[in-house]
């Protein structure tokens, strides 16, 4: 049986629909309630819901054979897992945003507010830019408004929140989407099952 870590929320529900269309149904998974673990012995699959940022940990540690994690999580935490495929869903981008009219003159250290500290550090290192990272866990848009930072690095989907707060994207760091990942040992010992699932996903995607 394959154990699958799904991210709680809208993305996880969309991804489960992909599993179901590929032949790995477990209808009770979407039923109201607080259950976290669901099995379909006939399909040889077991699902469990976890916090999106924890999916890669469950997979890396072997509690799950495979899982679905955003590319942002994989870039930020660099878990020791196999990234098998881009599921082409949950698309957005990691971007730098700043107050409208902001211009980085490069004279002083740039203050960057973000919860993606490793992604921000690597991006600006590639530009040779000296930065001061301010780690925040929420309401990142507030930082430049209150003068805590010059810019922010965050996930941008539609940009509506930025616009409502007088901010705009000044550069895109990388596209983000949901990725199918696998535990390295599981991929060795359950390779046939995992490859079968990958193939079903690929066929389902080509028929969409």
C-alpha atoms as a PDB file:
ATOM      1  CA  UNK A   1       0.000   0.000   0.000  1.00  0.00           C
ATOM      2  CA  UNK A   2       1.247   3.469  -0.907  1.00  0.00           C
ATOM      3  CA  UNK A   3       1.034   6.115   1.817  1.00  0.00           C
ATOM      4  CA  UNK A   4       0.332   9.602   0.486  1.00  0.00           C
ATOM      5  CA  UNK A   5       0.743  12.877   2.393  1.00  0.00           C
ATOM      6  CA  UNK A   6      -1.701  15.461   1.071  1.00  0.00           C
ATOM      7  CA  UNK A   7      -1.601  19.163   1.972  1.00  0.00           C
ATOM      8  CA  UNK A   8      -4.684  20.319   3.848  1.00  0.00           C
ATOM      9  CA  UNK A   9      -6.834  22.871   2.083  1.00  0.00           C
ATOM     10  CA  UNK A  10      -7.910  23.748  -1.425  1.00  0.00           C
ATOM     11  CA  UNK A  11      -4.700  22.547  -3.100  1.00  0.00           C
ATOM     12  CA  UNK A  12      -4.915  19.152  -1.403  1.00  0.00           C
ATOM     13  CA  UNK A  13      -8.514  18.711  -2.527  1.00  0.00           C
ATOM     14  CA  UNK A  14      -7.581  19.588  -6.116  1.00  0.00           C
ATOM     15  CA  UNK A  15      -4.681  17.151  -6.022  1.00  0.00           C
ATOM     16  CA  UNK A  16      -6.855  14.391  -4.564  1.00  0.00           C
ATOM     17  CA  UNK A  17      -9.166  14.808  -7.568  1.00  0.00           C
ATOM     18  CA  UNK A  18      -6.149  14.056  -9.759  1.00  0.00           C
ATOM     19  CA  UNK A  19      -5.454  10.883  -7.764  1.00  0.00           C
ATOM     20  CA  UNK A  20      -9.112   9.880  -8.028  1.00  0.00           C
ATOM     21  CA  UNK A  21      -9.214  10.403 -11.803  1.00  0.00           C
ATOM     22  CA  UNK A  22      -6.038   8.332 -12.077  1.00  0.00           C
ATOM     23  CA  UNK A  23      -7.781   5.398 -10.369  1.00  0.00           C
ATOM     24  CA  UNK A  24      -6.888   5.993  -6.714  1.00  0.00           C
ATOM     25  CA  UNK A  25     -10.260   6.938  -5.280  1.00  0.00           C
ATOM     26  CA  UNK A  26     -11.107   7.174  -1.599  1.00  0.00           C
ATOM     27  CA  UNK A  27     -14.448   9.053  -1.491  1.00  0.00           C
ATOM     28  CA  UNK A  28     -14.671   9.261   2.298  1.00  0.00           C
ATOM     29  CA  UNK A  29     -11.583  11.479   2.284  1.00  0.00           C
ATOM     30  CA  UNK A  30     -13.718  14.491   1.330  1.00  0.00           C
ATOM     31  CA  UNK A  31     -16.470  13.766   3.873  1.00  0.00           C
ATOM     32  CA  UNK A  32     -16.961  16.341   6.662  1.00  0.00           C
ATOM     33  CA  UNK A  33     -15.204  15.529   9.912  1.00  0.00           C
ATOM     34  CA  UNK A  34     -11.844  15.543  11.606  1.00  0.00           C
ATOM     35  CA  UNK A  35     -10.438  12.223  10.453  1.00  0.00           C
ATOM     36  CA  UNK A  36      -6.922  12.523   9.099  1.00  0.00           C
ATOM     37  CA  UNK A  37      -6.182   9.033   7.700  1.00  0.00           C
ATOM     38  CA  UNK A  38      -8.139   7.287   4.926  1.00  0.00           C
ATOM     39  CA  UNK A  39      -7.536   3.971   3.145  1.00  0.00           C
ATOM     40  CA  UNK A  40      -8.712   2.188   0.034  1.00  0.00           C
ATOM     41  CA  UNK A  41      -7.280  -1.313   0.282  1.00  0.00           C
ATOM     42  CA  UNK A  42      -8.594  -2.292  -3.129  1.00  0.00           C
ATOM     43  CA  UNK A  43      -6.701   0.570  -4.778  1.00  0.00           C
ATOM     44  CA  UNK A  44      -3.679  -0.017  -2.530  1.00  0.00           C
ATOM     45  CA  UNK A  45      -3.592   3.563  -1.281  1.00  0.00           C
ATOM     46  CA  UNK A  46      -3.654   5.344   2.064  1.00  0.00           C
ATOM     47  CA  UNK A  47      -4.027   9.118   2.351  1.00  0.00           C
ATOM     48  CA  UNK A  48      -3.490  11.442   5.260  1.00  0.00           C
ATOM     49  CA  UNK A  49      -3.928  15.198   5.601  1.00  0.00           C
ATOM     50  CA  UNK A  50      -1.042  17.291   6.934  1.00  0.00           C
ATOM     51  CA  UNK A  51      -0.115  20.953   7.090  1.00  0.00           C
ATOM     52  CA  UNK A  52       1.273  21.951   3.652  1.00  0.00           C
ATOM     53  CA  UNK A  53       4.680  22.929   5.042  1.00  0.00           C
ATOM     54  CA  UNK A  54       4.965  19.521   6.761  1.00  0.00           C
ATOM     55  CA  UNK A  55       4.363  17.293   3.723  1.00  0.00           C
ATOM     56  CA  UNK A  56       8.039  17.166   2.781  1.00  0.00           C
ATOM     57  CA  UNK A  57       8.993  16.205   6.357  1.00  0.00           C
ATOM     58  CA  UNK A  58       6.597  13.250   6.388  1.00  0.00           C
ATOM     59  CA  UNK A  59       7.966  12.090   3.036  1.00  0.00           C
ATOM     60  CA  UNK A  60      11.621  12.679   3.880  1.00  0.00           C
ATOM     61  CA  UNK A  61      11.283  10.754   7.159  1.00  0.00           C
ATOM     62  CA  UNK A  62       9.447   7.857   5.543  1.00  0.00           C
ATOM     63  CA  UNK A  63       6.068   8.288   7.253  1.00  0.00           C
ATOM     64  CA  UNK A  64       4.711   8.775   3.729  1.00  0.00           C
ATOM     65  CA  UNK A  65       5.959   7.119   0.553  1.00  0.00           C
ATOM     66  CA  UNK A  66       4.929  10.021  -1.616  1.00  0.00           C
ATOM     67  CA  UNK A  67       3.384  13.449  -1.137  1.00  0.00           C
ATOM     68  CA  UNK A  68       2.455  16.696  -2.813  1.00  0.00           C
ATOM     69  CA  UNK A  69       4.382  19.829  -1.872  1.00  0.00           C
ATOM     70  CA  UNK A  70       4.705  23.280  -3.355  1.00  0.00           C
ATOM     71  CA  UNK A  71       7.949  24.117  -5.125  1.00  0.00           C
ATOM     72  CA  UNK A  72       8.365  26.962  -2.617  1.00  0.00           C
ATOM     73  CA  UNK A  73       8.659  24.428   0.240  1.00  0.00           C
ATOM     74  CA  UNK A  74      11.178  22.338  -1.695  1.00  0.00           C
ATOM     75  CA  UNK A  75      13.327  25.371  -2.478  1.00  0.00           C
ATOM     76  CA  UNK A  76      13.149  26.808   1.029  1.00  0.00           C
ATOM     77  CA  UNK A  77      13.848  23.655   3.033  1.00  0.00           C
ATOM     78  CA  UNK A  78      15.670  21.469   0.478  1.00  0.00           C
ATOM     79  CA  UNK A  79      14.333  18.157   1.857  1.00  0.00           C
ATOM     80  CA  UNK A  80      16.186  14.970   0.935  1.00  0.00           C
ATOM     81  CA  UNK A  81      13.466  13.583  -1.356  1.00  0.00           C
ATOM     82  CA  UNK A  82      12.966  12.837  -5.023  1.00  0.00           C
ATOM     83  CA  UNK A  83      10.981  15.430  -6.977  1.00  0.00           C
ATOM     84  CA  UNK A  84       9.127  13.251  -9.461  1.00  0.00           C
ATOM     85  CA  UNK A  85       6.936  15.574 -11.490  1.00  0.00           C
ATOM     86  CA  UNK A  86       5.272  18.943 -11.804  1.00  0.00           C
ATOM     87  CA  UNK A  87       1.525  18.452 -11.300  1.00  0.00           C
ATOM     88  CA  UNK A  88       0.769  21.728 -13.116  1.00  0.00           C
ATOM     89  CA  UNK A  89      -1.624  22.905 -10.419  1.00  0.00           C
ATOM     90  CA  UNK A  90      -1.453  25.484  -7.645  1.00  0.00           C
ATOM     91  CA  UNK A  91       0.451  27.735 -10.022  1.00  0.00           C
ATOM     92  CA  UNK A  92       1.775  31.034  -8.683  1.00  0.00           C
ATOM     93  CA  UNK A  93       5.209  32.666  -8.398  1.00  0.00           C
ATOM     94  CA  UNK A  94       7.810  33.675  -5.850  1.00  0.00           C
ATOM     95  CA  UNK A  95       8.407  37.375  -6.310  1.00  0.00           C
ATOM     96  CA  UNK A  96       9.945  40.527  -4.909  1.00  0.00           C
ATOM     97  CA  UNK A  97       7.407  43.267  -4.223  1.00  0.00           C
ATOM     98  CA  UNK A  98       7.823  46.858  -3.069  1.00  0.00           C
ATOM     99  CA  UNK A  99       5.792  50.047  -2.626  1.00  0.00           C
ATOM    100  CA  UNK A 100       4.832  51.608  -5.944  1.00  0.00           C
ATOM    101  CA  UNK A 101       7.592  53.844  -7.200  1.00  0.00           C
ATOM    102  CA  UNK A 102      10.312  52.184  -5.119  1.00  0.00           C
ATOM    103  CA  UNK A 103      13.751  52.115  -6.713  1.00  0.00           C
ATOM    104  CA  UNK A 104      16.697  50.145  -5.332  1.00  0.00           C
ATOM    105  CA  UNK A 105      19.693  52.424  -5.766  1.00  0.00           C
ATOM    106  CA  UNK A 106      22.039  49.775  -4.370  1.00  0.00           C
ATOM    107  CA  UNK A 107      23.703  52.280  -2.051  1.00  0.00           C
ATOM    108  CA  UNK A 108      22.781  50.772   1.308  1.00  0.00           C
ATOM    109  CA  UNK A 109      21.875  47.343   2.624  1.00  0.00           C
ATOM    110  CA  UNK A 110      18.459  46.314   1.314  1.00  0.00           C
ATOM    111  CA  UNK A 111      15.975  45.303   4.012  1.00  0.00           C
ATOM    112  CA  UNK A 112      13.982  42.255   2.904  1.00  0.00           C
ATOM    113  CA  UNK A 113      10.979  40.931   4.848  1.00  0.00           C
ATOM    114  CA  UNK A 114       9.997  37.324   4.141  1.00  0.00           C
ATOM    115  CA  UNK A 115       9.238  33.930   5.587  1.00  0.00           C
ATOM    116  CA  UNK A 116      11.253  32.370   2.754  1.00  0.00           C
ATOM    117  CA  UNK A 117      14.652  33.355   4.087  1.00  0.00           C
ATOM    118  CA  UNK A 118      16.713  30.788   2.179  1.00  0.00           C
ATOM    119  CA  UNK A 119      15.067  31.587  -1.150  1.00  0.00           C
ATOM    120  CA  UNK A 120      15.562  35.327  -0.586  1.00  0.00           C
ATOM    121  CA  UNK A 121      19.169  34.902   0.528  1.00  0.00           C
ATOM    122  CA  UNK A 122      20.063  32.754  -2.497  1.00  0.00           C
ATOM    123  CA  UNK A 123      18.310  35.083  -4.928  1.00  0.00           C
ATOM    124  CA  UNK A 124      20.083  38.214  -3.727  1.00  0.00           C
ATOM    125  CA  UNK A 125      23.408  36.399  -3.390  1.00  0.00           C
ATOM    126  CA  UNK A 126      23.108  35.645  -7.099  1.00  0.00           C
ATOM    127  CA  UNK A 127      22.688  39.364  -7.719  1.00  0.00           C
ATOM    128  CA  UNK A 128      25.606  40.227  -5.464  1.00  0.00           C
ATOM    129  CA  UNK A 129      23.283  42.412  -3.377  1.00  0.00           C
ATOM    130  CA  UNK A 130      23.881  42.987   0.337  1.00  0.00           C
ATOM    131  CA  UNK A 131      20.656  42.403   2.276  1.00  0.00           C
ATOM    132  CA  UNK A 132      19.282  42.365   5.797  1.00  0.00           C
ATOM    133  CA  UNK A 133      16.663  39.621   6.089  1.00  0.00           C
ATOM    134  CA  UNK A 134      13.737  40.218   8.426  1.00  0.00           C
ATOM    135  CA  UNK A 135      11.984  36.910   9.075  1.00  0.00           C
ATOM    136  CA  UNK A 136       8.205  37.223   9.425  1.00  0.00           C
ATOM    137  CA  UNK A 137       5.544  34.520   9.560  1.00  0.00           C
ATOM    138  CA  UNK A 138       2.513  36.442   8.338  1.00  0.00           C
ATOM    139  CA  UNK A 139       1.153  39.723   6.966  1.00  0.00           C
ATOM    140  CA  UNK A 140       4.398  40.226   5.064  1.00  0.00           C
ATOM    141  CA  UNK A 141       2.821  43.087   3.078  1.00  0.00           C
ATOM    142  CA  UNK A 142       2.696  45.176   6.242  1.00  0.00           C
ATOM    143  CA  UNK A 143       6.502  45.384   6.573  1.00  0.00           C
ATOM    144  CA  UNK A 144       7.229  47.987   3.860  1.00  0.00           C
ATOM    145  CA  UNK A 145       4.052  49.917   4.676  1.00  0.00           C
ATOM    146  CA  UNK A 146       5.290  50.493   8.243  1.00  0.00           C
ATOM    147  CA  UNK A 147       8.902  51.048   7.197  1.00  0.00           C
ATOM    148  CA  UNK A 148      10.162  47.771   8.641  1.00  0.00           C
ATOM    149  CA  UNK A 149      11.547  46.695   5.270  1.00  0.00           C
ATOM    150  CA  UNK A 150      12.233  48.073   1.812  1.00  0.00           C
ATOM    151  CA  UNK A 151      10.861  45.085  -0.093  1.00  0.00           C
ATOM    152  CA  UNK A 152       9.258  41.716   0.554  1.00  0.00           C
ATOM    153  CA  UNK A 153       9.801  38.262  -0.931  1.00  0.00           C
ATOM    154  CA  UNK A 154       6.595  36.251  -0.990  1.00  0.00           C
ATOM    155  CA  UNK A 155       4.283  34.042  -3.032  1.00  0.00           C
ATOM    156  CA  UNK A 156       2.108  35.979  -5.462  1.00  0.00           C
ATOM    157  CA  UNK A 157      -0.964  34.438  -7.065  1.00  0.00           C
ATOM    158  CA  UNK A 158      -3.163  37.209  -8.462  1.00  0.00           C
ATOM    159  CA  UNK A 159      -1.389  40.208  -6.940  1.00  0.00           C
ATOM    160  CA  UNK A 160      -4.684  41.535  -5.519  1.00  0.00           C
ATOM    161  CA  UNK A 161      -3.386  41.713  -1.931  1.00  0.00           C
ATOM    162  CA  UNK A 162      -0.325  43.632  -3.097  1.00  0.00           C
ATOM    163  CA  UNK A 163      -2.391  46.131  -5.039  1.00  0.00           C
ATOM    164  CA  UNK A 164      -4.783  46.676  -2.131  1.00  0.00           C
ATOM    165  CA  UNK A 165      -1.785  47.589   0.032  1.00  0.00           C
ATOM    166  CA  UNK A 166      -0.039  49.866  -2.473  1.00  0.00           C
ATOM    167  CA  UNK A 167       2.613  47.320  -3.467  1.00  0.00           C
ATOM    168  CA  UNK A 168       3.662  45.908  -6.820  1.00  0.00           C
ATOM    169  CA  UNK A 169       5.873  43.104  -8.105  1.00  0.00           C
ATOM    170  CA  UNK A 170       9.306  44.377  -9.101  1.00  0.00           C
ATOM    171  CA  UNK A 171      10.835  41.022 -10.068  1.00  0.00           C
ATOM    172  CA  UNK A 172       9.874  37.356 -10.307  1.00  0.00           C
ATOM    173  CA  UNK A 173      12.241  34.888  -8.655  1.00  0.00           C
ATOM    174  CA  UNK A 174      10.741  31.592  -9.849  1.00  0.00           C
ATOM    175  CA  UNK A 175       7.448  29.974 -10.874  1.00  0.00           C
ATOM    176  CA  UNK A 176       5.776  27.864  -8.182  1.00  0.00           C
ATOM    177  CA  UNK A 177       3.454  24.877  -8.536  1.00  0.00           C
ATOM    178  CA  UNK A 178       2.603  21.600  -6.788  1.00  0.00           C
ATOM    179  CA  UNK A 179       5.145  18.804  -7.163  1.00  0.00           C
ATOM    180  CA  UNK A 180       4.855  15.055  -6.593  1.00  0.00           C
ATOM    181  CA  UNK A 181       7.695  13.969  -4.300  1.00  0.00           C
ATOM    182  CA  UNK A 182       8.847  10.566  -3.045  1.00  0.00           C
ATOM    183  CA  UNK A 183      10.798   9.148  -0.145  1.00  0.00           C
ATOM    184  CA  UNK A 184      14.091   7.829  -1.504  1.00  0.00           C
ATOM    185  CA  UNK A 185      13.831   4.408   0.159  1.00  0.00           C
ATOM    186  CA  UNK A 186      10.193   4.049  -0.885  1.00  0.00           C
ATOM    187  CA  UNK A 187      11.128   4.852  -4.463  1.00  0.00           C
ATOM    188  CA  UNK A 188      13.618   1.985  -4.349  1.00  0.00           C
ATOM    189  CA  UNK A 189      11.342  -0.616  -2.738  1.00  0.00           C
ATOM    190  CA  UNK A 190       7.976   0.499  -4.162  1.00  0.00           C
ATOM    191  CA  UNK A 191       9.249   1.729  -7.480  1.00  0.00           C
ATOM    192  CA  UNK A 192       6.719  -0.205  -9.587  1.00  0.00           C
ATOM    193  CA  UNK A 193       3.736   1.189  -7.692  1.00  0.00           C
ATOM    194  CA  UNK A 194       5.078   4.746  -7.750  1.00  0.00           C
ATOM    195  CA  UNK A 195       5.967   4.626 -11.437  1.00  0.00           C
ATOM    196  CA  UNK A 196       2.506   3.209 -12.188  1.00  0.00           C
ATOM    197  CA  UNK A 197       0.943   6.170 -10.386  1.00  0.00           C
ATOM    198  CA  UNK A 198       3.216   8.623 -12.218  1.00  0.00           C
ATOM    199  CA  UNK A 199       2.214   7.086 -15.524  1.00  0.00           C
ATOM    200  CA  UNK A 200      -1.470   7.364 -14.626  1.00  0.00           C
ATOM    201  CA  UNK A 201      -0.949  11.039 -13.761  1.00  0.00           C
ATOM    202  CA  UNK A 202       0.843  11.670 -17.031  1.00  0.00           C
ATOM    203  CA  UNK A 203      -1.909   9.963 -19.037  1.00  0.00           C
ATOM    204  CA  UNK A 204      -4.624  11.810 -17.111  1.00  0.00           C
ATOM    205  CA  UNK A 205      -2.826  15.105 -17.741  1.00  0.00           C
ATOM    206  CA  UNK A 206      -2.450  14.439 -21.467  1.00  0.00           C
ATOM    207  CA  UNK A 207      -6.162  13.708 -21.734  1.00  0.00           C
ATOM    208  CA  UNK A 208      -7.217  16.825 -19.822  1.00  0.00           C
END
